[in-house]
PDB file of N, CA and C in Angstrom:
ATOM      1  N   MET A   1      94.286 -96.059  86.154  1.00  0.00           N
ATOM      2  CA  MET A   1      93.956 -95.880  87.558  1.00  0.00           C
ATOM      3  C   MET A   1      92.723 -96.729  87.888  1.00  0.00           C
ATOM      4  N   ALA A   2      92.837 -97.511  88.914  1.00  0.00           N
ATOM      5  CA  ALA A   2      91.756 -98.415  89.294  1.00  0.00           C
ATOM      6  C   ALA A   2      90.638 -97.640  89.978  1.00  0.00           C
ATOM      7  N   SER A   3      89.443 -98.083  89.704  1.00  0.00           N
ATOM      8  CA  SER A   3      88.307 -97.433  90.350  1.00  0.00           C
ATOM      9  C   SER A   3      88.233 -97.862  91.817  1.00  0.00           C
ATOM     10  N   LEU A   4      87.523 -97.105  92.577  1.00  0.00           N
ATOM     11  CA  LEU A   4      87.361 -97.410  93.999  1.00  0.00           C
ATOM     12  C   LEU A   4      86.700 -98.776  94.185  1.00  0.00           C
ATOM     13  N   ARG A   5      85.742 -99.062  93.328  1.00  0.00           N
ATOM     14  CA  ARG A   5      85.039-100.340  93.432  1.00  0.00           C
ATOM     15  C   ARG A   5      85.972-101.521  93.172  1.00  0.00           C
ATOM     16  N   SER A   6      86.767-101.422  92.127  1.00  0.00           N
ATOM     17  CA  SER A   6      87.649-102.547  91.804  1.00  0.00           C
ATOM     18  C   SER A   6      88.753-102.714  92.843  1.00  0.00           C
ATOM     19  N   SER A   7      89.247-101.615  93.396  1.00  0.00           N
ATOM     20  CA  SER A   7      90.275-101.744  94.431  1.00  0.00           C
ATOM     21  C   SER A   7      89.685-102.347  95.708  1.00  0.00           C
ATOM     22  N   ALA A   8      88.447-102.023  96.010  1.00  0.00           N
ATOM     23  CA  ALA A   8      87.792-102.611  97.182  1.00  0.00           C
ATOM     24  C   ALA A   8      87.539-104.096  96.964  1.00  0.00           C
ATOM     25  N   GLN A   9      87.209-104.467  95.732  1.00  0.00           N
ATOM     26  CA  GLN A   9      86.977-105.882  95.444  1.00  0.00           C
ATOM     27  C   GLN A   9      88.265-106.687  95.544  1.00  0.00           C
ATOM     28  N   ARG A  10      89.385-106.082  95.180  1.00  0.00           N
ATOM     29  CA  ARG A  10      90.663-106.783  95.300  1.00  0.00           C
ATOM     30  C   ARG A  10      91.089-106.900  96.757  1.00  0.00           C
ATOM     31  N   ALA A  11      90.873-105.867  97.536  1.00  0.00           N
ATOM     32  CA  ALA A  11      91.307-105.865  98.935  1.00  0.00           C
ATOM     33  C   ALA A  11      90.407-106.748  99.801  1.00  0.00           C
ATOM     34  N   LYS A  12      89.134-106.849  99.449  1.00  0.00           N
ATOM     35  CA  LYS A  12      88.139-107.654 100.174  1.00  0.00           C
ATOM     36  C   LYS A  12      88.141-107.378 101.685  1.00  0.00           C
ATOM     37  N   PRO A  13      87.856-106.136 102.086  1.00  0.00           N
ATOM     38  CA  PRO A  13      87.880-105.814 103.514  1.00  0.00           C
ATOM     39  C   PRO A  13      86.828-106.576 104.317  1.00  0.00           C
ATOM     40  N   TRP A  14      85.777-107.027 103.674  1.00  0.00           N
ATOM     41  CA  TRP A  14      84.727-107.764 104.389  1.00  0.00           C
ATOM     42  C   TRP A  14      85.217-109.112 104.904  1.00  0.00           C
ATOM     43  N   GLU A  15      86.287-109.636 104.320  1.00  0.00           N
ATOM     44  CA  GLU A  15      86.825-110.908 104.801  1.00  0.00           C
ATOM     45  C   GLU A  15      87.596-110.754 106.111  1.00  0.00           C
ATOM     46  N   ARG A  16      88.072-109.546 106.390  1.00  0.00           N
ATOM     47  CA  ARG A  16      88.827-109.307 107.625  1.00  0.00           C
ATOM     48  C   ARG A  16      87.967-108.668 108.715  1.00  0.00           C
ATOM     49  N   SER A  17      86.738-108.365 108.396  1.00  0.00           N
ATOM     50  CA  SER A  17      85.854-107.729 109.361  1.00  0.00           C
ATOM     51  C   SER A  17      85.464-108.723 110.447  1.00  0.00           C
ATOM     52  N   THR A  18      85.580-108.313 111.685  1.00  0.00           N
ATOM     53  CA  THR A  18      85.250-109.200 112.800  1.00  0.00           C
ATOM     54  C   THR A  18      83.986-108.764 113.525  1.00  0.00           C
ATOM     55  N   GLY A  19      83.507-107.581 113.236  1.00  0.00           N
ATOM     56  CA  GLY A  19      82.324-107.096 113.930  1.00  0.00           C
ATOM     57  C   GLY A  19      82.668-106.661 115.343  1.00  0.00           C
ATOM     58  N   PRO A  20      81.671-106.306 116.120  1.00  0.00           N
ATOM     59  CA  PRO A  20      81.923-105.847 117.484  1.00  0.00           C
ATOM     60  C   PRO A  20      82.427-106.981 118.369  1.00  0.00           C
ATOM     61  N   ARG A  21      83.357-106.657 119.230  1.00  0.00           N
ATOM     62  CA  ARG A  21      83.928-107.674 120.116  1.00  0.00           C
ATOM     63  C   ARG A  21      83.552-107.458 121.572  1.00  0.00           C
ATOM     64  N   THR A  22      83.413-106.209 121.985  1.00  0.00           N
ATOM     65  CA  THR A  22      83.109-105.921 123.384  1.00  0.00           C
ATOM     66  C   THR A  22      81.595-105.923 123.599  1.00  0.00           C
ATOM     67  N   PRO A  23      81.148-106.132 124.828  1.00  0.00           N
ATOM     68  CA  PRO A  23      79.701-106.063 125.100  1.00  0.00           C
ATOM     69  C   PRO A  23      79.112-104.694 124.743  1.00  0.00           C
ATOM     70  N   GLU A  24      79.895-103.633 124.961  1.00  0.00           N
ATOM     71  CA  GLU A  24      79.407-102.291 124.626  1.00  0.00           C
ATOM     72  C   GLU A  24      79.233-102.147 123.116  1.00  0.00           C
ATOM     73  N   GLY A  25      80.204-102.652 122.365  1.00  0.00           N
ATOM     74  CA  GLY A  25      80.110-102.590 120.907  1.00  0.00           C
ATOM     75  C   GLY A  25      78.957-103.418 120.375  1.00  0.00           C
ATOM     76  N   LYS A  26      78.736-104.568 120.965  1.00  0.00           N
ATOM     77  CA  LYS A  26      77.632-105.427 120.545  1.00  0.00           C
ATOM     78  C   LYS A  26      76.289-104.772 120.852  1.00  0.00           C
ATOM     79  N   ALA A  27      76.201-104.115 122.011  1.00  0.00           N
ATOM     80  CA  ALA A  27      74.956-103.429 122.369  1.00  0.00           C
ATOM     81  C   ALA A  27      74.683-102.287 121.397  1.00  0.00           C
ATOM     82  N   GLN A  28      75.724-101.554 121.031  1.00  0.00           N
ATOM     83  CA  GLN A  28      75.568-100.442 120.094  1.00  0.00           C
ATOM     84  C   GLN A  28      75.179-100.950 118.706  1.00  0.00           C
ATOM     85  N   SER A  29      75.851-101.981 118.228  1.00  0.00           N
ATOM     86  CA  SER A  29      75.568-102.470 116.879  1.00  0.00           C
ATOM     87  C   SER A  29      74.208-103.156 116.791  1.00  0.00           C
ATOM     88  N   SER A  30      73.671-103.609 117.902  1.00  0.00           N
ATOM     89  CA  SER A  30      72.349-104.232 117.863  1.00  0.00           C
ATOM     90  C   SER A  30      71.265-103.207 117.553  1.00  0.00           C
ATOM     91  N   LYS A  31      71.572-101.929 117.698  1.00  0.00           N
ATOM     92  CA  LYS A  31      70.607-100.865 117.435  1.00  0.00           C
ATOM     93  C   LYS A  31      70.771-100.252 116.051  1.00  0.00           C
ATOM     94  N   ASN A  32      71.683-100.775 115.243  1.00  0.00           N
ATOM     95  CA  ASN A  32      71.965-100.181 113.939  1.00  0.00           C
ATOM     96  C   ASN A  32      70.770-100.199 112.997  1.00  0.00           C
ATOM     97  N   ALA A  33      69.947-101.209 113.044  1.00  0.00           N
ATOM     98  CA  ALA A  33      68.841-101.331 112.100  1.00  0.00           C
ATOM     99  C   ALA A  33      67.606-100.552 112.534  1.00  0.00           C
ATOM    100  N   ALA A  34      67.597-100.002 113.728  1.00  0.00           N
ATOM    101  CA  ALA A  34      66.414 -99.293 114.224  1.00  0.00           C
ATOM    102  C   ALA A  34      66.197 -98.017 113.418  1.00  0.00           C
ATOM    103  N   LYS A  35      64.996 -97.805 112.963  1.00  0.00           N
ATOM    104  CA  LYS A  35      64.663 -96.599 112.215  1.00  0.00           C
ATOM    105  C   LYS A  35      64.301 -95.466 113.177  1.00  0.00           C
ATOM    106  N   HIS A  36      63.325 -95.729 114.024  1.00  0.00           N
ATOM    107  CA  HIS A  36      62.906 -94.707 114.978  1.00  0.00           C
ATOM    108  C   HIS A  36      62.709 -95.283 116.365  1.00  0.00           C
ATOM    109  N   GLY A  37      62.448 -96.560 116.482  1.00  0.00           N
ATOM    110  CA  GLY A  37      62.355 -97.201 117.782  1.00  0.00           C
ATOM    111  C   GLY A  37      61.029 -97.057 118.491  1.00  0.00           C
ATOM    112  N   GLU A  38      60.053 -96.451 117.840  1.00  0.00           N
ATOM    113  CA  GLU A  38      58.772 -96.212 118.500  1.00  0.00           C
ATOM    114  C   GLU A  38      58.099 -97.506 118.947  1.00  0.00           C
ATOM    115  N   ARG A  39      58.284 -98.566 118.181  1.00  0.00           N
ATOM    116  CA  ARG A  39      57.622 -99.833 118.505  1.00  0.00           C
ATOM    117  C   ARG A  39      58.593-100.897 119.000  1.00  0.00           C
ATOM    118  N   SER A  40      59.794-100.504 119.331  1.00  0.00           N
ATOM    119  CA  SER A  40      60.770-101.493 119.789  1.00  0.00           C
ATOM    120  C   SER A  40      60.380-102.019 121.167  1.00  0.00           C
ATOM    121  N   ALA A  41      60.796-103.226 121.456  1.00  0.00           N
ATOM    122  CA  ALA A  41      60.447-103.866 122.727  1.00  0.00           C
ATOM    123  C   ALA A  41      60.977-103.059 123.904  1.00  0.00           C
ATOM    124  N   GLU A  42      62.155-102.476 123.753  1.00  0.00           N
ATOM    125  CA  GLU A  42      62.748-101.695 124.840  1.00  0.00           C
ATOM    126  C   GLU A  42      61.912-100.458 125.138  1.00  0.00           C
ATOM    127  N   VAL A  43      61.487 -99.759 124.107  1.00  0.00           N
ATOM    128  CA  VAL A  43      60.683 -98.546 124.297  1.00  0.00           C
ATOM    129  C   VAL A  43      59.318 -98.898 124.872  1.00  0.00           C
ATOM    130  N   ILE A  44      58.726 -99.967 124.398  1.00  0.00           N
ATOM    131  CA  ILE A  44      57.415-100.386 124.908  1.00  0.00           C
ATOM    132  C   ILE A  44      57.516-100.765 126.379  1.00  0.00           C
ATOM    133  N   ALA A  45      58.575-101.471 126.758  1.00  0.00           N
ATOM    134  CA  ALA A  45      58.763-101.848 128.163  1.00  0.00           C
ATOM    135  C   ALA A  45      58.943-100.607 129.032  1.00  0.00           C
ATOM    136  N   GLN A  46      59.698 -99.628 128.547  1.00  0.00           N
ATOM    137  CA  GLN A  46      59.884 -98.388 129.306  1.00  0.00           C
ATOM    138  C   GLN A  46      58.561 -97.645 129.448  1.00  0.00           C
ATOM    139  N   ARG A  47      57.770 -97.638 128.384  1.00  0.00           N
ATOM    140  CA  ARG A  47      56.474 -96.955 128.427  1.00  0.00           C
ATOM    141  C   ARG A  47      55.548 -97.625 129.440  1.00  0.00           C
ATOM    142  N   HIS A  48      55.537 -98.957 129.472  1.00  0.00           N
ATOM    143  CA  HIS A  48      54.707 -99.680 130.444  1.00  0.00           C
ATOM    144  C   HIS A  48      55.171 -99.396 131.873  1.00  0.00           C
ATOM    145  N   GLU A  49      56.468 -99.359 132.085  1.00  0.00           N
ATOM    146  CA  GLU A  49      57.013 -99.074 133.416  1.00  0.00           C
ATOM    147  C   GLU A  49      56.644 -97.657 133.854  1.00  0.00           C
ATOM    148  N   LEU A  50      56.715 -96.704 132.938  1.00  0.00           N
ATOM    149  CA  LEU A  50      56.344 -95.329 133.252  1.00  0.00           C
ATOM    150  C   LEU A  50      54.859 -95.241 133.592  1.00  0.00           C
ATOM    151  N   ASN A  51      54.016 -95.897 132.805  1.00  0.00           N
ATOM    152  CA  ASN A  51      52.576 -95.884 133.089  1.00  0.00           C
ATOM    153  C   ASN A  51      52.270 -96.515 134.439  1.00  0.00           C
ATOM    154  N   ARG A  52      52.979 -97.589 134.767  1.00  0.00           N
ATOM    155  CA  ARG A  52      52.797 -98.245 136.064  1.00  0.00           C
ATOM    156  C   ARG A  52      53.167 -97.297 137.196  1.00  0.00           C
ATOM    157  N   ALA A  53      54.284 -96.591 137.040  1.00  0.00           N
ATOM    158  CA  ALA A  53      54.727 -95.649 138.067  1.00  0.00           C
ATOM    159  C   ALA A  53      53.735 -94.495 138.202  1.00  0.00           C
ATOM    160  N   LEU A  54      53.218 -94.017 137.089  1.00  0.00           N
ATOM    161  CA  LEU A  54      52.244 -92.926 137.143  1.00  0.00           C
ATOM    162  C   LEU A  54      50.956 -93.362 137.836  1.00  0.00           C
ATOM    163  N   ARG A  55      50.527 -94.609 137.591  1.00  0.00           N
ATOM    164  CA  ARG A  55      49.342 -95.124 138.280  1.00  0.00           C
ATOM    165  C   ARG A  55      49.571 -95.218 139.781  1.00  0.00           C
ATOM    166  N   LEU A  56      50.770 -95.654 140.173  1.00  0.00           N
ATOM    167  CA  LEU A  56      51.090 -95.738 141.603  1.00  0.00           C
ATOM    168  C   LEU A  56      51.056 -94.357 142.251  1.00  0.00           C
ATOM    169  N   VAL A  57      51.593 -93.371 141.574  1.00  0.00           N
ATOM    170  CA  VAL A  57      51.589 -92.000 142.109  1.00  0.00           C
ATOM    171  C   VAL A  57      50.156 -91.483 142.188  1.00  0.00           C
ATOM    172  N   ALA A  58      49.369 -91.709 141.150  1.00  0.00           N
ATOM    173  CA  ALA A  58      47.978 -91.249 141.153  1.00  0.00           C
ATOM    174  C   ALA A  58      47.187 -91.914 142.274  1.00  0.00           C
ATOM    175  N   ASP A  59      47.391 -93.209 142.479  1.00  0.00           N
ATOM    176  CA  ASP A  59      46.708 -93.914 143.568  1.00  0.00           C
ATOM    177  C   ASP A  59      47.142 -93.383 144.928  1.00  0.00           C
ATOM    178  N   ALA A  60      48.414 -93.074 145.079  1.00  0.00           N
ATOM    179  CA  ALA A  60      48.917 -92.545 146.346  1.00  0.00           C
ATOM    180  C   ALA A  60      48.337 -91.164 146.624  1.00  0.00           C
ATOM    181  N   LEU A  61      48.157 -90.364 145.586  1.00  0.00           N
ATOM    182  CA  LEU A  61      47.599 -89.025 145.773  1.00  0.00           C
ATOM    183  C   LEU A  61      46.104 -89.069 146.093  1.00  0.00           C
ATOM    184  N   LYS A  62      45.401 -90.092 145.641  1.00  0.00           N
ATOM    185  CA  LYS A  62      43.972 -90.225 145.925  1.00  0.00           C
ATOM    186  C   LYS A  62      43.722 -90.537 147.392  1.00  0.00           C
ATOM    187  N   GLN A  63      44.662 -91.220 148.034  1.00  0.00           N
ATOM    188  CA  GLN A  63      44.469 -91.645 149.422  1.00  0.00           C
ATOM    189  C   GLN A  63      44.758 -90.553 150.390  1.00  0.00           C
TER     190      GLN A  63
END
């Protein structure tokens, strides 16, 4: 009986892999390597936008 490893090496599924094809799949797979995202550019941009909005609200309340 062949081991799982040897049968996978014979089948070579990595040669038929095409990766994500749709924009949604590509967007999802682009996040695969993220561990926690605390320092990712997307999270930092959202944090800056939130801080900007909070400053605008605080300034509006002062007036």
